[in-house]
Amino acid sequence: MPRTNSFMGIDLGIKEFYTDSNGDVVSNPRYLRKSPLRLKRRHRRKSPRAKGGKNRHSNSSMSNCQRVLDRDTTL
């Protein structure tokens, strides 16, 4: 790539994800707002269950929820 003597500025913000010096605006991804709520619900379902209880077995399948959320929330 040829070297140029031009510079570019990037302004990170809250309403917009970023605005560059050319005036291009990229909107903020809003899907991350729902992630903590989903995580909170899933952790509640995963909370300790009674030994020998019916719901204890379903907790093993819930351990996948953290992996799924990590995959969904990483950029």
PDB file of N, CA and C in Angstrom:
ATOM      1  N   MET A   1       0.846  -1.167   0.000  1.00  0.00           N
ATOM      2  CA  MET A   1       0.000   0.000   0.000  1.00  0.00           C
ATOM      3  C   MET A   1       0.896   1.236   0.000  1.00  0.00           C
ATOM      4  N   PRO A   2       0.656   2.152  -0.910  1.00  0.00           N
ATOM      5  CA  PRO A   2       1.494   3.350  -0.965  1.00  0.00           C
ATOM      6  C   PRO A   2       1.241   4.257   0.236  1.00  0.00           C
ATOM      7  N   ARG A   3       2.278   4.900   0.662  1.00  0.00           N
ATOM      8  CA  ARG A   3       2.190   5.776   1.813  1.00  0.00           C
ATOM      9  C   ARG A   3       1.715   7.158   1.379  1.00  0.00           C
ATOM     10  N   THR A   4       0.781   7.710   2.127  1.00  0.00           N
ATOM     11  CA  THR A   4       0.294   9.062   1.842  1.00  0.00           C
ATOM     12  C   THR A   4       0.567   9.956   3.043  1.00  0.00           C
ATOM     13  N   ASN A   5       0.493  11.231   2.836  1.00  0.00           N
ATOM     14  CA  ASN A   5       0.717  12.184   3.919  1.00  0.00           C
ATOM     15  C   ASN A   5      -0.593  12.734   4.459  1.00  0.00           C
ATOM     16  N   SER A   6      -1.656  11.969   4.356  1.00  0.00           N
ATOM     17  CA  SER A   6      -2.942  12.435   4.872  1.00  0.00           C
ATOM     18  C   SER A   6      -3.254  11.726   6.191  1.00  0.00           C
ATOM     19  N   PHE A   7      -4.003  12.406   7.028  1.00  0.00           N
ATOM     20  CA  PHE A   7      -4.370  11.877   8.333  1.00  0.00           C
ATOM     21  C   PHE A   7      -5.877  11.757   8.420  1.00  0.00           C
ATOM     22  N   MET A   8      -6.321  10.912   9.327  1.00  0.00           N
ATOM     23  CA  MET A   8      -7.752  10.736   9.544  1.00  0.00           C
ATOM     24  C   MET A   8      -8.001  10.748  11.043  1.00  0.00           C
ATOM     25  N   GLY A   9      -9.019  11.474  11.461  1.00  0.00           N
ATOM     26  CA  GLY A   9      -9.381  11.520  12.867  1.00  0.00           C
ATOM     27  C   GLY A   9     -10.658  10.739  13.110  1.00  0.00           C
ATOM     28  N   ILE A  10     -10.706  10.046  14.239  1.00  0.00           N
ATOM     29  CA  ILE A  10     -11.898   9.274  14.604  1.00  0.00           C
ATOM     30  C   ILE A  10     -12.338   9.728  15.981  1.00  0.00           C
ATOM     31  N   ASP A  11     -13.629  10.061  16.094  1.00  0.00           N
ATOM     32  CA  ASP A  11     -14.209  10.494  17.355  1.00  0.00           C
ATOM     33  C   ASP A  11     -15.182   9.423  17.815  1.00  0.00           C
ATOM     34  N   LEU A  12     -14.863   8.736  18.918  1.00  0.00           N
ATOM     35  CA  LEU A  12     -15.755   7.723  19.473  1.00  0.00           C
ATOM     36  C   LEU A  12     -16.784   8.406  20.354  1.00  0.00           C
ATOM     37  N   GLY A  13     -18.024   7.958  20.254  1.00  0.00           N
ATOM     38  CA  GLY A  13     -19.075   8.599  21.018  1.00  0.00           C
ATOM     39  C   GLY A  13     -20.056   7.611  21.609  1.00  0.00           C
ATOM     40  N   ILE A  14     -21.100   8.141  22.219  1.00  0.00           N
ATOM     41  CA  ILE A  14     -22.133   7.311  22.833  1.00  0.00           C
ATOM     42  C   ILE A  14     -23.327   7.179  21.902  1.00  0.00           C
ATOM     43  N   LYS A  15     -23.804   8.304  21.358  1.00  0.00           N
ATOM     44  CA  LYS A  15     -24.938   8.231  20.433  1.00  0.00           C
ATOM     45  C   LYS A  15     -24.538   7.565  19.128  1.00  0.00           C
ATOM     46  N   GLU A  16     -23.397   7.946  18.591  1.00  0.00           N
ATOM     47  CA  GLU A  16     -22.860   7.314  17.391  1.00  0.00           C
ATOM     48  C   GLU A  16     -21.637   6.512  17.799  1.00  0.00           C
ATOM     49  N   PHE A  17     -21.424   5.380  17.128  1.00  0.00           N
ATOM     50  CA  PHE A  17     -20.267   4.540  17.452  1.00  0.00           C
ATOM     51  C   PHE A  17     -18.988   5.321  17.189  1.00  0.00           C
ATOM     52  N   TYR A  18     -18.876   5.878  15.995  1.00  0.00           N
ATOM     53  CA  TYR A  18     -17.766   6.780  15.715  1.00  0.00           C
ATOM     54  C   TYR A  18     -18.115   7.697  14.557  1.00  0.00           C
ATOM     55  N   THR A  19     -17.412   8.822  14.513  1.00  0.00           N
ATOM     56  CA  THR A  19     -17.494   9.779  13.420  1.00  0.00           C
ATOM     57  C   THR A  19     -16.065  10.055  12.981  1.00  0.00           C
ATOM     58  N   ASP A  20     -15.803   9.914  11.686  1.00  0.00           N
ATOM     59  CA  ASP A  20     -14.438  10.176  11.227  1.00  0.00           C
ATOM     60  C   ASP A  20     -14.327  11.589  10.671  1.00  0.00           C
ATOM     61  N   SER A  21     -13.106  11.977  10.344  1.00  0.00           N
ATOM     62  CA  SER A  21     -12.858  13.348   9.905  1.00  0.00           C
ATOM     63  C   SER A  21     -13.459  13.643   8.536  1.00  0.00           C
ATOM     64  N   ASN A  22     -13.864  12.627   7.794  1.00  0.00           N
ATOM     65  CA  ASN A  22     -14.535  12.840   6.509  1.00  0.00           C
ATOM     66  C   ASN A  22     -16.029  13.088   6.673  1.00  0.00           C
ATOM     67  N   GLY A  23     -16.531  12.975   7.905  1.00  0.00           N
ATOM     68  CA  GLY A  23     -17.943  13.202   8.169  1.00  0.00           C
ATOM     69  C   GLY A  23     -18.781  11.937   8.125  1.00  0.00           C
ATOM     70  N   ASP A  24     -18.161  10.788   7.922  1.00  0.00           N
ATOM     71  CA  ASP A  24     -18.905   9.526   7.923  1.00  0.00           C
ATOM     72  C   ASP A  24     -19.267   9.160   9.355  1.00  0.00           C
ATOM     73  N   VAL A  25     -20.539   8.813   9.566  1.00  0.00           N
ATOM     74  CA  VAL A  25     -21.036   8.475  10.894  1.00  0.00           C
ATOM     75  C   VAL A  25     -21.495   7.025  10.879  1.00  0.00           C
ATOM     76  N   VAL A  26     -21.043   6.254  11.875  1.00  0.00           N
ATOM     77  CA  VAL A  26     -21.476   4.865  12.035  1.00  0.00           C
ATOM     78  C   VAL A  26     -22.311   4.807  13.303  1.00  0.00           C
ATOM     79  N   SER A  27     -23.531   4.281  13.189  1.00  0.00           N
ATOM     80  CA  SER A  27     -24.432   4.259  14.341  1.00  0.00           C
ATOM     81  C   SER A  27     -23.965   3.252  15.381  1.00  0.00           C
ATOM     82  N   ASN A  28     -24.397   3.484  16.610  1.00  0.00           N
ATOM     83  CA  ASN A  28     -24.015   2.649  17.735  1.00  0.00           C
ATOM     84  C   ASN A  28     -24.794   1.339  17.705  1.00  0.00           C
ATOM     85  N   PRO A  29     -24.120   0.175  17.843  1.00  0.00           N
ATOM     86  CA  PRO A  29     -24.854  -1.090  17.868  1.00  0.00           C
ATOM     87  C   PRO A  29     -25.639  -1.215  19.170  1.00  0.00           C
ATOM     88  N   ARG A  30     -26.939  -1.346  19.074  1.00  0.00           N
ATOM     89  CA  ARG A  30     -27.797  -1.373  20.260  1.00  0.00           C
ATOM     90  C   ARG A  30     -28.072  -2.775  20.784  1.00  0.00           C
ATOM     91  N   TYR A  31     -27.577  -3.804  20.094  1.00  0.00           N
ATOM     92  CA  TYR A  31     -27.875  -5.162  20.526  1.00  0.00           C
ATOM     93  C   TYR A  31     -27.202  -5.498  21.854  1.00  0.00           C
ATOM     94  N   LEU A  32     -26.194  -4.747  22.249  1.00  0.00           N
ATOM     95  CA  LEU A  32     -25.502  -5.041  23.497  1.00  0.00           C
ATOM     96  C   LEU A  32     -26.325  -4.666  24.723  1.00  0.00           C
ATOM     97  N   ARG A  33     -27.366  -3.864  24.563  1.00  0.00           N
ATOM     98  CA  ARG A  33     -28.205  -3.508  25.708  1.00  0.00           C
ATOM     99  C   ARG A  33     -28.998  -4.697  26.217  1.00  0.00           C
ATOM    100  N   LYS A  34     -29.400  -5.592  25.323  1.00  0.00           N
ATOM    101  CA  LYS A  34     -30.210  -6.734  25.716  1.00  0.00           C
ATOM    102  C   LYS A  34     -29.384  -7.835  26.361  1.00  0.00           C
ATOM    103  N   SER A  35     -28.098  -7.869  26.094  1.00  0.00           N
ATOM    104  CA  SER A  35     -27.252  -8.960  26.578  1.00  0.00           C
ATOM    105  C   SER A  35     -27.227  -9.082  28.100  1.00  0.00           C
ATOM    106  N   PRO A  36     -27.046  -8.000  28.871  1.00  0.00           N
ATOM    107  CA  PRO A  36     -27.036  -8.163  30.330  1.00  0.00           C
ATOM    108  C   PRO A  36     -28.356  -8.698  30.871  1.00  0.00           C
ATOM    109  N   LEU A  37     -29.474  -8.312  30.259  1.00  0.00           N
ATOM    110  CA  LEU A  37     -30.758  -8.818  30.730  1.00  0.00           C
ATOM    111  C   LEU A  37     -30.879 -10.312  30.481  1.00  0.00           C
ATOM    112  N   ARG A  38     -30.448 -10.760  29.299  1.00  0.00           N
ATOM    113  CA  ARG A  38     -30.487 -12.191  29.000  1.00  0.00           C
ATOM    114  C   ARG A  38     -29.569 -12.955  29.943  1.00  0.00           C
ATOM    115  N   LEU A  39     -28.391 -12.398  30.199  1.00  0.00           N
ATOM    116  CA  LEU A  39     -27.443 -13.053  31.083  1.00  0.00           C
ATOM    117  C   LEU A  39     -28.017 -13.163  32.495  1.00  0.00           C
ATOM    118  N   LYS A  40     -28.661 -12.109  32.962  1.00  0.00           N
ATOM    119  CA  LYS A  40     -29.246 -12.108  34.301  1.00  0.00           C
ATOM    120  C   LYS A  40     -30.317 -13.185  34.427  1.00  0.00           C
ATOM    121  N   ARG A  41     -31.184 -13.294  33.419  1.00  0.00           N
ATOM    122  CA  ARG A  41     -32.234 -14.319  33.432  1.00  0.00           C
ATOM    123  C   ARG A  41     -31.652 -15.723  33.422  1.00  0.00           C
ATOM    124  N   ARG A  42     -30.648 -15.916  32.579  1.00  0.00           N
ATOM    125  CA  ARG A  42     -30.068 -17.256  32.461  1.00  0.00           C
ATOM    126  C   ARG A  42     -29.292 -17.649  33.713  1.00  0.00           C
ATOM    127  N   HIS A  43     -28.648 -16.689  34.361  1.00  0.00           N
ATOM    128  CA  HIS A  43     -27.963 -16.998  35.611  1.00  0.00           C
ATOM    129  C   HIS A  43     -28.968 -17.363  36.697  1.00  0.00           C
ATOM    130  N   ARG A  44     -30.112 -16.708  36.698  1.00  0.00           N
ATOM    131  CA  ARG A  44     -31.143 -17.028  37.672  1.00  0.00           C
ATOM    132  C   ARG A  44     -31.628 -18.462  37.491  1.00  0.00           C
ATOM    133  N   ARG A  45     -31.787 -18.859  36.233  1.00  0.00           N
ATOM    134  CA  ARG A  45     -32.220 -20.231  35.963  1.00  0.00           C
ATOM    135  C   ARG A  45     -31.140 -21.238  36.333  1.00  0.00           C
ATOM    136  N   LYS A  46     -29.879 -20.809  36.256  1.00  0.00           N
ATOM    137  CA  LYS A  46     -28.762 -21.716  36.518  1.00  0.00           C
ATOM    138  C   LYS A  46     -28.429 -21.799  38.001  1.00  0.00           C
ATOM    139  N   SER A  47     -29.061 -21.019  38.841  1.00  0.00           N
ATOM    140  CA  SER A  47     -28.733 -20.988  40.257  1.00  0.00           C
ATOM    141  C   SER A  47     -28.821 -22.398  40.859  1.00  0.00           C
ATOM    142  N   PRO A  48     -28.152 -22.620  41.996  1.00  0.00           N
ATOM    143  CA  PRO A  48     -28.087 -23.970  42.566  1.00  0.00           C
ATOM    144  C   PRO A  48     -29.463 -24.596  42.761  1.00  0.00           C
ATOM    145  N   ARG A  49     -29.539 -25.866  42.415  1.00  0.00           N
ATOM    146  CA  ARG A  49     -30.789 -26.622  42.538  1.00  0.00           C
ATOM    147  C   ARG A  49     -30.624 -27.684  43.618  1.00  0.00           C
ATOM    148  N   ALA A  50     -31.737 -28.204  44.102  1.00  0.00           N
ATOM    149  CA  ALA A  50     -31.714 -29.248  45.129  1.00  0.00           C
ATOM    150  C   ALA A  50     -31.142 -30.537  44.555  1.00  0.00           C
ATOM    151  N   LYS A  51     -30.305 -31.193  45.331  1.00  0.00           N
ATOM    152  CA  LYS A  51     -29.695 -32.441  44.893  1.00  0.00           C
ATOM    153  C   LYS A  51     -30.793 -33.482  44.691  1.00  0.00           C
ATOM    154  N   GLY A  52     -30.771 -34.111  43.541  1.00  0.00           N
ATOM    155  CA  GLY A  52     -31.787 -35.115  43.236  1.00  0.00           C
ATOM    156  C   GLY A  52     -33.076 -34.508  42.713  1.00  0.00           C
ATOM    157  N   GLY A  53     -33.108 -33.191  42.583  1.00  0.00           N
ATOM    158  CA  GLY A  53     -34.315 -32.527  42.106  1.00  0.00           C
ATOM    159  C   GLY A  53     -34.476 -32.654  40.599  1.00  0.00           C
ATOM    160  N   LYS A  54     -35.678 -32.414  40.155  1.00  0.00           N
ATOM    161  CA  LYS A  54     -35.991 -32.549  38.731  1.00  0.00           C
ATOM    162  C   LYS A  54     -35.254 -31.497  37.889  1.00  0.00           C
ATOM    163  N   ASN A  55     -35.098 -30.315  38.442  1.00  0.00           N
ATOM    164  CA  ASN A  55     -34.481 -29.226  37.682  1.00  0.00           C
ATOM    165  C   ASN A  55     -32.957 -29.270  37.689  1.00  0.00           C
ATOM    166  N   ARG A  56     -32.380 -30.104  38.547  1.00  0.00           N
ATOM    167  CA  ARG A  56     -30.915 -30.167  38.620  1.00  0.00           C
ATOM    168  C   ARG A  56     -30.322 -30.671  37.308  1.00  0.00           C
ATOM    169  N   HIS A  57     -31.010 -31.612  36.679  1.00  0.00           N
ATOM    170  CA  HIS A  57     -30.524 -32.165  35.418  1.00  0.00           C
ATOM    171  C   HIS A  57     -30.545 -31.108  34.312  1.00  0.00           C
ATOM    172  N   SER A  58     -31.523 -30.227  34.325  1.00  0.00           N
ATOM    173  CA  SER A  58     -31.622 -29.214  33.272  1.00  0.00           C
ATOM    174  C   SER A  58     -30.511 -28.179  33.377  1.00  0.00           C
ATOM    175  N   ASN A  59     -29.876 -28.072  34.547  1.00  0.00           N
ATOM    176  CA  ASN A  59     -28.785 -27.111  34.706  1.00  0.00           C
ATOM    177  C   ASN A  59     -27.584 -27.450  33.849  1.00  0.00           C
ATOM    178  N   SER A  60     -27.369 -28.721  33.574  1.00  0.00           N
ATOM    179  CA  SER A  60     -26.204 -29.075  32.761  1.00  0.00           C
ATOM    180  C   SER A  60     -26.335 -28.496  31.362  1.00  0.00           C
ATOM    181  N   SER A  61     -27.546 -28.448  30.849  1.00  0.00           N
ATOM    182  CA  SER A  61     -27.738 -27.855  29.527  1.00  0.00           C
ATOM    183  C   SER A  61     -27.644 -26.339  29.583  1.00  0.00           C
ATOM    184  N   MET A  62     -27.860 -25.764  30.744  1.00  0.00           N
ATOM    185  CA  MET A  62     -27.798 -24.312  30.878  1.00  0.00           C
ATOM    186  C   MET A  62     -26.362 -23.797  30.872  1.00  0.00           C
ATOM    187  N   SER A  63     -25.377 -24.682  31.079  1.00  0.00           N
ATOM    188  CA  SER A  63     -23.995 -24.208  31.081  1.00  0.00           C
ATOM    189  C   SER A  63     -23.584 -23.706  29.705  1.00  0.00           C
ATOM    190  N   ASN A  64     -24.319 -24.095  28.680  1.00  0.00           N
ATOM    191  CA  ASN A  64     -24.030 -23.606  27.336  1.00  0.00           C
ATOM    192  C   ASN A  64     -24.427 -22.141  27.175  1.00  0.00           C
ATOM    193  N   CYS A  65     -25.329 -21.649  28.004  1.00  0.00           N
ATOM    194  CA  CYS A  65     -25.831 -20.284  27.831  1.00  0.00           C
ATOM    195  C   CYS A  65     -24.709 -19.263  27.952  1.00  0.00           C
ATOM    196  N   GLN A  66     -23.739 -19.494  28.843  1.00  0.00           N
ATOM    197  CA  GLN A  66     -22.649 -18.532  28.988  1.00  0.00           C
ATOM    198  C   GLN A  66     -21.801 -18.501  27.727  1.00  0.00           C
ATOM    199  N   ARG A  67     -21.534 -19.677  27.142  1.00  0.00           N
ATOM    200  CA  ARG A  67     -20.744 -19.722  25.920  1.00  0.00           C
ATOM    201  C   ARG A  67     -21.462 -19.016  24.782  1.00  0.00           C
ATOM    202  N   VAL A  68     -22.769 -19.199  24.699  1.00  0.00           N
ATOM    203  CA  VAL A  68     -23.543 -18.558  23.637  1.00  0.00           C
ATOM    204  C   VAL A  68     -23.520 -17.047  23.814  1.00  0.00           C
ATOM    205  N   LEU A  69     -23.697 -16.580  25.050  1.00  0.00           N
ATOM    206  CA  LEU A  69     -23.685 -15.138  25.294  1.00  0.00           C
ATOM    207  C   LEU A  69     -22.309 -14.541  25.036  1.00  0.00           C
ATOM    208  N   ASP A  70     -21.251 -15.258  25.405  1.00  0.00           N
ATOM    209  CA  ASP A  70     -19.911 -14.754  25.115  1.00  0.00           C
ATOM    210  C   ASP A  70     -19.705 -14.616  23.618  1.00  0.00           C
ATOM    211  N   ARG A  71     -20.203 -15.595  22.879  1.00  0.00           N
ATOM    212  CA  ARG A  71     -20.053 -15.551  21.426  1.00  0.00           C
ATOM    213  C   ARG A  71     -20.848 -14.385  20.847  1.00  0.00           C
ATOM    214  N   ASP A  72     -22.056 -14.147  21.387  1.00  0.00           N
ATOM    215  CA  ASP A  72     -22.920 -13.100  20.840  1.00  0.00           C
ATOM    216  C   ASP A  72     -22.438 -11.699  21.181  1.00  0.00           C
ATOM    217  N   THR A  73     -21.780 -11.545  22.330  1.00  0.00           N
ATOM    218  CA  THR A  73     -21.445 -10.193  22.761  1.00  0.00           C
ATOM    219  C   THR A  73     -20.042  -9.756  22.389  1.00  0.00           C
ATOM    220  N   THR A  74     -19.183 -10.670  21.948  1.00  0.00           N
ATOM    221  CA  THR A  74     -17.849 -10.242  21.547  1.00  0.00           C
ATOM    222  C   THR A  74     -17.909  -9.553  20.199  1.00  0.00           C
ATOM    223  N   LEU A  75     -17.115  -8.528  20.050  1.00  0.00           N
ATOM    224  CA  LEU A  75     -17.141  -7.759  18.805  1.00  0.00           C
ATOM    225  C   LEU A  75     -16.144  -8.254  17.828  1.00  0.00           C
TER     226      LEU A  75
END
